[in-house]
Protein backbone atom coordinates (compact mmCIF):
# COMPACT_ATOMS: atom_id res chain seq x y z
CA UNK A 1 0.11 -0.07 0.01
CA UNK A 2 1.22 3.41 -0.75
CA UNK A 3 1.48 5.98 2.03
CA UNK A 4 -0.83 8.57 0.32
CA UNK A 5 -0.14 11.36 2.95
CA UNK A 6 3.70 10.98 2.96
CA UNK A 7 4.05 10.64 -0.91
CA UNK A 8 1.65 13.80 -1.45
CA UNK A 9 3.56 15.52 0.87
CA UNK A 10 6.85 14.83 -0.75
CA UNK A 11 5.42 16.11 -4.04
CA UNK A 12 4.39 19.41 -2.55
CA UNK A 13 8.04 19.68 -1.19
CA UNK A 14 9.45 19.04 -4.46
CA UNK A 15 6.76 21.26 -6.28
CA UNK A 16 5.67 18.20 -8.61
CA UNK A 17 2.12 17.99 -9.74
CA UNK A 18 0.00 14.95 -10.23
CA UNK A 19 -0.22 15.76 -13.99
CA UNK A 20 3.91 16.11 -13.95
CA UNK A 21 4.32 12.83 -12.27
CA UNK A 22 1.64 11.13 -14.45
CA UNK A 23 3.42 12.42 -17.47
CA UNK A 24 7.01 11.27 -16.25
CA UNK A 25 5.52 7.63 -15.75
CA UNK A 26 3.82 7.75 -18.94
CA UNK A 27 0.28 7.26 -17.68
CA UNK A 28 -2.63 9.63 -17.56
CA UNK A 29 -3.40 12.04 -14.61
CA UNK A 30 -6.47 10.12 -13.36
CA UNK A 31 -4.58 6.76 -13.34
CA UNK A 32 -1.79 8.35 -11.22
CA UNK A 33 -4.42 9.72 -8.78
CA UNK A 34 -5.97 6.25 -8.37
CA UNK A 35 -2.59 4.73 -7.70
CA UNK A 36 -1.56 7.23 -5.19
CA UNK A 37 -4.80 7.10 -3.53
CA UNK A 38 -4.57 3.23 -3.60
CA UNK A 39 -7.41 2.69 -5.64
CA UNK A 40 -5.35 0.88 -8.32
CA UNK A 41 -2.03 -0.77 -7.67
CA UNK A 42 1.41 0.83 -8.53
CA UNK A 43 3.93 -1.55 -9.56
CA UNK A 44 7.36 -1.69 -8.64
CA UNK A 45 8.80 -0.03 -11.76
CA UNK A 46 6.38 2.89 -11.50
CA UNK A 47 7.35 3.37 -7.62
CA UNK A 48 10.98 3.24 -8.69
CA UNK A 49 10.74 5.91 -11.46
CA UNK A 50 8.41 7.95 -8.96
CA UNK A 51 11.17 7.73 -6.28
CA UNK A 52 13.59 8.86 -8.66
CA UNK A 53 11.56 11.99 -9.59
CA UNK A 54 10.94 12.68 -6.10
CA UNK A 55 14.53 12.18 -4.96
CA UNK A 56 13.51 9.46 -2.27
CA UNK A 57 16.52 7.98 -1.05
CA UNK A 58 16.69 3.89 -1.19
CA UNK A 59 16.58 3.59 2.73
CA UNK A 60 13.35 5.63 2.65
CA UNK A 61 11.75 3.78 -0.11
CA UNK A 62 9.68 1.49 1.95
CA UNK A 63 8.17 4.32 4.04
CA UNK A 64 6.53 5.68 0.94
CA UNK A 65 5.62 2.59 -1.00
CA UNK A 66 5.30 -0.22 1.62
CA UNK A 67 2.77 0.88 4.24
CA UNK A 68 1.47 -2.10 5.89
CA UNK A 69 -2.29 -2.73 6.13
CA UNK A 70 -3.23 -2.61 9.72
CA UNK A 71 -5.75 -5.46 10.95
CA UNK A 72 -8.12 -4.39 14.09
CA UNK A 73 -9.13 -7.93 14.51
CA UNK A 74 -7.69 -10.17 17.36
CA UNK A 75 -8.24 -13.76 18.19
CA UNK A 76 -10.92 -12.93 20.54
CA UNK A 77 -12.55 -10.50 17.68
CA UNK A 78 -12.68 -13.36 15.41
CA UNK A 79 -14.07 -16.10 17.69
CA UNK A 80 -10.74 -17.60 18.39
CA UNK A 81 -9.58 -18.92 21.79
CA UNK A 82 -6.35 -18.34 23.53
């Protein structure tokens, strides 16, 4: 999952619009918007290109592009026993 807020914040910092980023990736702006908002998946090649455009260091890559899904269910919530 994309860290939408972090990625959009970085785009603001670098003064890159969604239209510019979409053009850089060779996709339509609405498609880019859907990918950034986790409606459509962004493939690794696109994520790497976007990281280059936004000057995201390799050690920061996972913070922007691999936000884990949080599950609120516990064993008790799902009917499991300890």
